[in-house]
Amino acid sequence: MIKINQLNKEFESRVRLGIMSVLMVNDWVDFSEMKSLLEITDGNLASHSNALEKVKYIEVKKEFVGKKPRTSYRVTQNGRAAFTEHLNALEKLLGR
């Protein structure tokens, strides 16, 4: 039986799915690199990363490098576990 409720609603957005996919295979990724990899706007990245930060799936670091601000992201242990569960649920849905 397929249990669709096992899919995590936090990952329903393709942008959030992309952010998590990038962070699962990279340590820290900065704002510009993430934006470029996903080909999304500043506002899209900011709003979806805020949503993932609120549920503690990603960590956001803001710092100054010289005089320029830099924002970086990394996945938390909670986020890694939740995303792995989500992927496993998707595989079950596909019958794998």
Protein backbone atom coordinates (compact mmCIF):
# COMPACT_ATOMS: atom_id res chain seq x y z
CA MET A 1 0.00 0.00 0.00
CA ILE A 2 1.23 3.48 -0.87
CA LYS A 3 1.21 5.88 2.07
CA ILE A 4 1.29 9.31 0.47
CA ASN A 5 1.25 10.97 3.90
CA GLN A 6 4.82 9.75 4.45
CA LEU A 7 6.01 12.39 1.99
CA ASN A 8 7.29 15.50 3.79
CA LYS A 9 5.27 18.62 2.88
CA GLU A 10 8.31 20.81 3.52
CA PHE A 11 9.89 19.37 0.36
CA GLU A 12 6.89 19.76 -1.98
CA SER A 13 8.38 22.87 -3.58
CA ARG A 14 10.85 22.23 -6.37
CA VAL A 15 13.06 25.02 -5.00
CA ARG A 16 13.21 23.41 -1.54
CA LEU A 17 13.87 20.05 -3.15
CA GLY A 18 16.73 21.66 -5.09
CA ILE A 19 18.19 23.39 -2.03
CA MET A 20 18.17 20.16 -0.05
CA SER A 21 19.65 18.17 -2.94
CA VAL A 22 22.54 20.62 -3.27
CA LEU A 23 23.18 20.67 0.47
CA MET A 24 23.07 16.88 0.83
CA VAL A 25 26.21 16.58 -1.30
CA ASN A 26 28.02 19.79 -0.31
CA ASP A 27 29.09 21.20 3.03
CA TRP A 28 28.56 24.98 3.06
CA VAL A 29 27.13 26.58 -0.10
CA ASP A 30 26.93 30.37 -0.38
CA PHE A 31 23.94 32.35 -1.61
CA SER A 32 25.37 33.21 -5.05
CA GLU A 33 26.45 29.65 -5.79
CA MET A 34 23.09 28.21 -4.69
CA LYS A 35 21.20 30.79 -6.75
CA SER A 36 23.33 29.99 -9.78
CA LEU A 37 23.05 26.20 -9.39
CA LEU A 38 19.26 26.32 -9.11
CA GLU A 39 18.76 29.20 -11.58
CA ILE A 40 16.32 31.00 -9.27
CA THR A 41 15.83 34.59 -8.13
CA ASP A 42 17.16 36.16 -4.94
CA GLY A 43 13.64 36.35 -3.52
CA ASN A 44 12.88 32.71 -4.29
CA LEU A 45 16.05 31.51 -2.61
CA ALA A 46 15.55 33.78 0.40
CA SER A 47 11.93 32.75 1.02
CA HIS A 48 12.46 29.01 0.58
CA SER A 49 15.68 28.95 2.60
CA ASN A 50 13.86 30.83 5.39
CA ALA A 51 11.14 28.19 5.38
CA LEU A 52 13.70 25.38 5.62
CA GLU A 53 15.56 27.23 8.38
CA LYS A 54 12.33 27.65 10.39
CA VAL A 55 11.83 23.90 10.53
CA LYS A 56 15.55 23.49 11.35
CA TYR A 57 16.37 21.54 8.19
CA ILE A 58 19.13 23.95 7.18
CA GLU A 59 21.50 26.27 9.00
CA VAL A 60 22.09 29.80 7.69
CA LYS A 61 25.35 31.63 8.39
CA LYS A 62 25.66 35.37 7.73
CA GLU A 63 29.08 36.97 7.91
CA PHE A 64 31.19 39.70 6.40
CA VAL A 65 34.10 38.82 4.12
CA GLY A 66 36.03 42.06 4.00
CA LYS A 67 33.28 44.62 3.66
CA LYS A 68 30.88 42.37 1.74
CA PRO A 69 28.11 40.38 3.45
CA ARG A 70 27.98 36.65 2.67
CA THR A 71 25.17 34.20 3.40
CA SER A 72 25.89 30.47 3.40
CA TYR A 73 23.78 27.37 3.94
CA ARG A 74 24.31 23.85 5.16
CA VAL A 75 22.01 20.97 5.98
CA THR A 76 21.44 20.07 9.64
CA GLN A 77 21.33 16.52 11.01
CA ASN A 78 17.54 16.96 11.33
CA GLY A 79 17.33 18.06 7.72
CA ARG A 80 19.49 15.22 6.48
CA ALA A 81 17.30 12.65 8.29
CA ALA A 82 14.04 14.25 7.09
CA PHE A 83 15.23 14.48 3.48
CA THR A 84 16.47 10.88 3.50
CA GLU A 85 13.07 9.75 4.83
CA HIS A 86 11.37 11.78 2.11
CA LEU A 87 13.51 10.18 -0.60
CA ASN A 88 12.83 6.72 0.82
CA ALA A 89 9.08 7.44 0.78
CA LEU A 90 9.33 8.57 -2.85
CA GLU A 91 11.14 5.35 -3.77
CA LYS A 92 8.40 3.30 -2.07
CA LEU A 93 5.83 5.31 -4.01
CA LEU A 94 7.65 4.38 -7.21
CA GLY A 95 7.70 0.74 -6.16
CA ARG A 96 11.45 0.41 -5.68
